[in-house]
Each structure stands twice: as C-alpha cells, then as structure tokens.
C-alpha cells in the first residue's frame, strides 16, 4: 500500500507518532490513577480497605467492635472481602481509563500494544 500502513494514512511514521502519543497519554493516566483512592468496606462498614488506582494497598481500618479474639476467622474474612473489593474497583477504574487510550480508541491497529 503506497503511503500507508493498513488503513492508516501517512504510513509507518504516522503510526509511530500515534503510538508515541498513546504512550505519553498512558503515562499521564497511570500517574493520575496512582493518586486516586478507592475504598471498599465489608461487614456493614466495620472493615474498610483503601487502595490506589495504581493497585497499591494504602490503608485498612478495622472497627474496635469487630475484633473478637474468639472469632479471628470472621475478621480475616471481613478484611479479605474489603481488600478484594477495593482491588476489583481499582482494576475496573484502571481498565476504563486505559481502555480509552488503547487500540480502537486511538485509531491504532489492534495488537500494537
């Protein structure tokens, strides 16, 4: 195809420029996500987990009334549920934001990234 690559006008140079722009935008989104705080709770709010949009566990808060030395399993379950839910929310947010930048949303050929 003269002067183009697939359905991309301008050839390989235009494709490379679009890819570089997409990479810059991805870095900006990653930085923004790292600053985001996503919270989830379990047990009606007695256990709360906060993660960053970048996937870092930031904080776990446990209400005093849920700490029962005779039922450690319940507390472990509540913490696991809150942390898992927080990470799921962070992953969904990350997928939504990054999905806007990936092939299809940028006019780049599929499989480039």
N, C-alpha and C. Protein backbone atom coordinates (compact mmCIF):
# COMPACT_ATOMS: atom_id res chain seq x y z
N UNK A 1 0.83 -1.18 0.00
CA UNK A 1 0.00 0.00 0.00
C UNK A 1 0.87 1.23 0.00
N UNK A 2 0.90 1.95 -1.05
CA UNK A 2 1.75 3.13 -1.11
C UNK A 2 1.29 4.20 -0.13
N UNK A 3 2.25 4.73 0.63
CA UNK A 3 1.97 5.86 1.52
C UNK A 3 1.15 5.51 2.73
N UNK A 4 0.89 4.24 2.99
CA UNK A 4 0.06 3.93 4.15
C UNK A 4 0.41 2.58 4.73
N UNK A 5 -0.07 2.33 5.91
CA UNK A 5 0.12 1.06 6.59
C UNK A 5 -1.25 0.60 6.99
N UNK A 6 -1.74 -0.45 6.35
CA UNK A 6 -3.11 -0.88 6.61
C UNK A 6 -4.06 0.22 6.23
N UNK A 7 -4.90 0.59 7.14
CA UNK A 7 -5.84 1.68 6.87
C UNK A 7 -5.36 2.99 7.50
N UNK A 8 -4.07 3.07 7.84
CA UNK A 8 -3.52 4.27 8.47
C UNK A 8 -2.89 5.16 7.42
N UNK A 9 -3.46 6.33 7.17
CA UNK A 9 -2.85 7.23 6.21
C UNK A 9 -1.50 7.74 6.72
N UNK A 10 -0.59 7.97 5.81
CA UNK A 10 0.70 8.54 6.19
C UNK A 10 1.78 7.53 6.47
N UNK A 11 1.46 6.27 6.46
CA UNK A 11 2.48 5.24 6.58
C UNK A 11 2.97 5.00 7.99
N UNK A 12 4.14 4.40 8.04
CA UNK A 12 4.73 3.96 9.30
C UNK A 12 5.04 5.14 10.22
N UNK A 13 5.46 6.25 9.67
CA UNK A 13 5.77 7.42 10.50
C UNK A 13 4.56 7.90 11.28
N UNK A 14 3.42 7.94 10.63
CA UNK A 14 2.19 8.37 11.31
C UNK A 14 1.81 7.37 12.39
N UNK A 15 2.00 6.09 12.09
CA UNK A 15 1.68 5.07 13.08
C UNK A 15 2.58 5.20 14.30
N UNK A 16 3.86 5.41 14.09
CA UNK A 16 4.81 5.56 15.20
C UNK A 16 4.50 6.80 16.03
N UNK A 17 4.14 7.88 15.36
CA UNK A 17 3.79 9.10 16.08
C UNK A 17 2.55 8.87 16.94
N UNK A 18 1.56 8.19 16.39
CA UNK A 18 0.34 7.89 17.14
C UNK A 18 0.66 6.98 18.33
N UNK A 19 1.55 6.02 18.14
CA UNK A 19 1.93 5.12 19.23
C UNK A 19 2.66 5.88 20.33
N UNK A 20 3.55 6.80 19.96
CA UNK A 20 4.27 7.60 20.96
C UNK A 20 3.30 8.47 21.74
N UNK A 21 2.33 9.05 21.06
CA UNK A 21 1.32 9.89 21.73
C UNK A 21 0.50 9.04 22.70
N UNK A 22 0.14 7.84 22.27
CA UNK A 22 -0.62 6.95 23.14
C UNK A 22 0.18 6.59 24.38
N UNK A 23 1.46 6.34 24.23
CA UNK A 23 2.31 6.01 25.37
C UNK A 23 2.40 7.17 26.35
N UNK A 24 2.52 8.39 25.83
CA UNK A 24 2.55 9.56 26.71
C UNK A 24 1.25 9.70 27.47
N UNK A 25 0.13 9.50 26.77
CA UNK A 25 -1.16 9.61 27.43
C UNK A 25 -1.33 8.51 28.48
N UNK A 26 -0.82 7.32 28.21
CA UNK A 26 -0.90 6.23 29.18
C UNK A 26 -0.12 6.57 30.45
N UNK A 27 1.03 7.18 30.29
CA UNK A 27 1.82 7.58 31.46
C UNK A 27 1.08 8.61 32.30
N UNK A 28 0.43 9.55 31.65
CA UNK A 28 -0.35 10.56 32.37
C UNK A 28 -1.48 9.88 33.14
N UNK A 29 -2.17 8.96 32.50
CA UNK A 29 -3.27 8.25 33.15
C UNK A 29 -2.74 7.43 34.32
N UNK A 30 -1.61 6.76 34.16
CA UNK A 30 -1.01 5.99 35.25
C UNK A 30 -0.71 6.88 36.45
N UNK A 31 -0.16 8.06 36.19
CA UNK A 31 0.15 8.99 37.27
C UNK A 31 -1.13 9.45 37.97
N UNK A 32 -2.16 9.73 37.20
CA UNK A 32 -3.44 10.14 37.78
C UNK A 32 -4.03 9.01 38.61
N UNK A 33 -3.98 7.80 38.09
CA UNK A 33 -4.51 6.65 38.81
C UNK A 33 -3.78 6.41 40.13
N UNK A 34 -2.48 6.62 40.14
CA UNK A 34 -1.70 6.43 41.36
C UNK A 34 -2.16 7.36 42.47
N UNK A 35 -2.74 8.50 42.10
CA UNK A 35 -3.22 9.47 43.08
C UNK A 35 -4.65 9.18 43.54
N UNK A 36 -5.37 8.38 42.77
CA UNK A 36 -6.76 8.05 43.11
C UNK A 36 -6.80 7.14 44.33
N UNK A 37 -7.83 7.31 45.16
CA UNK A 37 -8.04 6.46 46.32
C UNK A 37 -9.39 5.78 46.16
N UNK A 38 -9.38 4.45 46.18
CA UNK A 38 -10.60 3.67 46.01
C UNK A 38 -10.85 2.92 47.31
N UNK A 39 -12.06 3.03 47.80
CA UNK A 39 -12.40 2.44 49.09
C UNK A 39 -13.48 1.38 48.93
N UNK A 40 -13.35 0.34 49.74
CA UNK A 40 -14.39 -0.69 49.82
C UNK A 40 -14.48 -1.10 51.28
N UNK A 41 -15.65 -1.58 51.66
CA UNK A 41 -15.83 -2.00 53.04
C UNK A 41 -16.60 -3.31 53.08
N UNK A 42 -16.58 -3.93 54.25
CA UNK A 42 -17.33 -5.16 54.46
C UNK A 42 -17.90 -5.15 55.88
N UNK A 43 -18.82 -6.04 56.11
CA UNK A 43 -19.43 -6.13 57.44
C UNK A 43 -20.19 -4.88 57.81
N UNK A 44 -20.83 -4.26 56.83
CA UNK A 44 -21.58 -3.05 57.11
C UNK A 44 -20.69 -1.86 57.44
N UNK A 45 -19.44 -1.91 56.99
CA UNK A 45 -18.53 -0.80 57.18
C UNK A 45 -17.57 -0.96 58.35
N UNK A 46 -17.59 -2.10 59.03
CA UNK A 46 -16.69 -2.29 60.16
C UNK A 46 -15.25 -2.54 59.73
N UNK A 47 -15.06 -2.98 58.49
CA UNK A 47 -13.73 -3.13 57.92
C UNK A 47 -13.70 -2.34 56.63
N UNK A 48 -12.67 -1.51 56.48
CA UNK A 48 -12.56 -0.65 55.30
C UNK A 48 -11.15 -0.77 54.74
N UNK A 49 -11.08 -0.93 53.42
CA UNK A 49 -9.78 -1.01 52.75
C UNK A 49 -9.71 0.11 51.72
N UNK A 50 -8.55 0.73 51.61
CA UNK A 50 -8.32 1.79 50.63
C UNK A 50 -7.11 1.39 49.80
N UNK A 51 -7.28 1.42 48.47
CA UNK A 51 -6.19 1.14 47.55
C UNK A 51 -6.06 2.31 46.58
N UNK A 52 -4.89 2.42 45.97
CA UNK A 52 -4.72 3.44 44.94
C UNK A 52 -5.21 2.88 43.62
N UNK A 53 -5.48 3.78 42.67
CA UNK A 53 -5.88 3.35 41.34
C UNK A 53 -4.76 2.62 40.64
N UNK A 54 -3.55 2.75 41.14
CA UNK A 54 -2.40 2.05 40.59
C UNK A 54 -2.22 0.66 41.18
N UNK A 55 -3.07 0.29 42.13
CA UNK A 55 -3.03 -1.06 42.69
C UNK A 55 -2.21 -1.22 43.95
N UNK A 56 -2.03 -0.15 44.69
CA UNK A 56 -1.26 -0.22 45.94
C UNK A 56 -2.22 -0.17 47.13
N UNK A 57 -2.06 -1.11 48.07
CA UNK A 57 -2.86 -1.09 49.29
C UNK A 57 -2.38 0.06 50.16
N UNK A 58 -3.30 0.98 50.47
CA UNK A 58 -2.93 2.19 51.21
C UNK A 58 -3.26 2.07 52.69
N UNK A 59 -4.45 1.53 52.98
CA UNK A 59 -4.92 1.58 54.36
C UNK A 59 -5.96 0.50 54.61
N UNK A 60 -5.95 -0.02 55.83
CA UNK A 60 -7.01 -0.90 56.30
C UNK A 60 -7.44 -0.36 57.65
N UNK A 61 -8.73 -0.17 57.82
CA UNK A 61 -9.29 0.29 59.09
C UNK A 61 -10.25 -0.79 59.60
N UNK A 62 -10.13 -1.09 60.87
CA UNK A 62 -10.98 -2.11 61.49
C UNK A 62 -11.62 -1.49 62.72
N UNK A 63 -12.94 -1.54 62.76
CA UNK A 63 -13.66 -1.01 63.92
C UNK A 63 -13.38 -1.90 65.15
N UNK A 64 -13.20 -1.28 66.27
CA UNK A 64 -12.88 -1.98 67.50
C UNK A 64 -13.89 -3.08 67.83
N UNK A 65 -15.16 -2.80 67.58
CA UNK A 65 -16.21 -3.75 67.98
C UNK A 65 -16.20 -5.06 67.20
N UNK A 66 -15.49 -5.10 66.09
CA UNK A 66 -15.44 -6.33 65.29
C UNK A 66 -14.26 -7.23 65.68
N UNK A 67 -13.37 -6.73 66.52
CA UNK A 67 -12.21 -7.51 66.95
C UNK A 67 -12.63 -8.43 68.09
N UNK A 68 -12.72 -9.72 67.76
CA UNK A 68 -13.12 -10.73 68.74
C UNK A 68 -12.05 -11.83 68.73
N UNK A 69 -11.25 -11.91 69.79
CA UNK A 69 -10.19 -12.92 69.81
C UNK A 69 -10.71 -14.35 69.67
N UNK A 70 -11.97 -14.56 69.97
CA UNK A 70 -12.55 -15.90 69.85
C UNK A 70 -13.08 -16.18 68.45
N UNK A 71 -13.05 -15.18 67.56
CA UNK A 71 -13.55 -15.38 66.20
C UNK A 71 -12.65 -14.66 65.20
N UNK A 72 -11.40 -15.05 65.16
CA UNK A 72 -10.42 -14.45 64.27
C UNK A 72 -10.80 -14.71 62.81
N UNK A 73 -11.37 -15.87 62.53
CA UNK A 73 -11.75 -16.23 61.17
C UNK A 73 -12.71 -15.20 60.57
N UNK A 74 -13.67 -14.72 61.35
CA UNK A 74 -14.62 -13.73 60.85
C UNK A 74 -13.89 -12.45 60.46
N UNK A 75 -12.97 -12.00 61.29
CA UNK A 75 -12.22 -10.78 60.99
C UNK A 75 -11.36 -10.97 59.74
N UNK A 76 -10.73 -12.13 59.62
CA UNK A 76 -9.94 -12.41 58.43
C UNK A 76 -10.80 -12.36 57.17
N UNK A 77 -12.00 -12.93 57.25
CA UNK A 77 -12.91 -12.92 56.12
C UNK A 77 -13.34 -11.51 55.75
N UNK A 78 -13.64 -10.69 56.76
CA UNK A 78 -14.05 -9.31 56.51
C UNK A 78 -12.92 -8.51 55.85
N UNK A 79 -11.71 -8.70 56.35
CA UNK A 79 -10.56 -7.98 55.78
C UNK A 79 -10.33 -8.44 54.33
N UNK A 80 -10.36 -9.74 54.11
CA UNK A 80 -10.16 -10.27 52.75
C UNK A 80 -11.20 -9.73 51.79
N UNK A 81 -12.45 -9.70 52.22
CA UNK A 81 -13.53 -9.21 51.37
C UNK A 81 -13.35 -7.73 51.03
N UNK A 82 -13.04 -6.92 52.02
CA UNK A 82 -12.87 -5.48 51.79
C UNK A 82 -11.69 -5.22 50.86
N UNK A 83 -10.58 -5.91 51.08
CA UNK A 83 -9.39 -5.71 50.25
C UNK A 83 -9.66 -6.17 48.82
N UNK A 84 -10.26 -7.34 48.68
CA UNK A 84 -10.56 -7.85 47.33
C UNK A 84 -11.49 -6.90 46.59
N UNK A 85 -12.52 -6.41 47.26
CA UNK A 85 -13.46 -5.48 46.62
C UNK A 85 -12.78 -4.17 46.21
N UNK A 86 -11.90 -3.68 47.06
CA UNK A 86 -11.18 -2.44 46.73
C UNK A 86 -10.31 -2.63 45.50
N UNK A 87 -9.60 -3.76 45.43
CA UNK A 87 -8.76 -4.02 44.27
C UNK A 87 -9.59 -4.22 43.01
N UNK A 88 -10.74 -4.86 43.12
CA UNK A 88 -11.62 -5.03 41.96
C UNK A 88 -12.10 -3.67 41.44
N UNK A 89 -12.46 -2.78 42.36
CA UNK A 89 -12.88 -1.44 41.95
C UNK A 89 -11.72 -0.69 41.29
N UNK A 90 -10.52 -0.82 41.85
CA UNK A 90 -9.35 -0.15 41.26
C UNK A 90 -9.05 -0.71 39.87
N UNK A 91 -9.16 -2.03 39.71
CA UNK A 91 -8.92 -2.64 38.40
C UNK A 91 -9.94 -2.17 37.38
N UNK A 92 -11.19 -2.07 37.78
CA UNK A 92 -12.24 -1.60 36.87
C UNK A 92 -11.96 -0.16 36.45
N UNK A 93 -11.61 0.68 37.41
CA UNK A 93 -11.28 2.08 37.10
C UNK A 93 -10.11 2.16 36.14
N UNK A 94 -9.06 1.38 36.40
CA UNK A 94 -7.86 1.37 35.55
C UNK A 94 -8.22 0.90 34.13
N UNK A 95 -9.01 -0.17 34.02
CA UNK A 95 -9.42 -0.67 32.71
C UNK A 95 -10.24 0.36 31.95
N UNK A 96 -11.12 1.06 32.65
CA UNK A 96 -11.94 2.08 31.99
C UNK A 96 -11.07 3.21 31.46
N UNK A 97 -10.16 3.68 32.27
CA UNK A 97 -9.33 4.82 31.86
C UNK A 97 -8.32 4.43 30.79
N UNK A 98 -7.71 3.28 30.93
CA UNK A 98 -6.73 2.84 29.94
C UNK A 98 -7.42 2.40 28.65
N UNK A 99 -8.61 1.85 28.76
CA UNK A 99 -9.34 1.39 27.58
C UNK A 99 -9.61 2.49 26.59
N UNK A 100 -9.72 3.71 27.08
CA UNK A 100 -9.94 4.84 26.20
C UNK A 100 -8.71 5.16 25.36
N UNK A 101 -7.56 4.69 25.81
CA UNK A 101 -6.30 5.01 25.13
C UNK A 101 -5.79 3.87 24.25
N UNK A 102 -6.36 2.70 24.40
CA UNK A 102 -5.84 1.54 23.68
C UNK A 102 -6.35 1.47 22.26
N UNK A 103 -5.75 0.60 21.45
CA UNK A 103 -6.15 0.47 20.05
C UNK A 103 -7.66 0.39 19.91
N UNK A 104 -8.15 1.03 18.90
CA UNK A 104 -9.60 1.15 18.71
C UNK A 104 -10.04 2.53 19.15
N UNK A 105 -9.62 2.93 20.37
CA UNK A 105 -9.92 4.25 20.86
C UNK A 105 -8.95 5.29 20.33
N UNK A 106 -7.80 4.83 19.80
CA UNK A 106 -6.77 5.74 19.30
C UNK A 106 -6.60 5.63 17.80
N UNK A 107 -7.33 4.72 17.18
CA UNK A 107 -7.18 4.54 15.74
C UNK A 107 -5.92 3.77 15.38
N UNK A 108 -5.33 3.08 16.35
CA UNK A 108 -4.14 2.28 16.08
C UNK A 108 -4.54 0.85 15.73
N UNK A 109 -3.70 0.16 14.99
CA UNK A 109 -4.04 -1.21 14.64
C UNK A 109 -4.06 -2.09 15.90
N UNK A 110 -5.02 -3.03 15.99
CA UNK A 110 -5.08 -3.93 17.13
C UNK A 110 -3.77 -4.72 17.26
N UNK A 111 -3.38 -5.02 18.49
CA UNK A 111 -2.19 -5.80 18.72
C UNK A 111 -0.91 -5.00 18.80
N UNK A 112 -0.99 -3.68 18.63
CA UNK A 112 0.21 -2.86 18.67
C UNK A 112 0.77 -2.78 20.08
N UNK A 113 -0.11 -2.78 21.10
CA UNK A 113 0.34 -2.71 22.49
C UNK A 113 0.08 -4.01 23.18
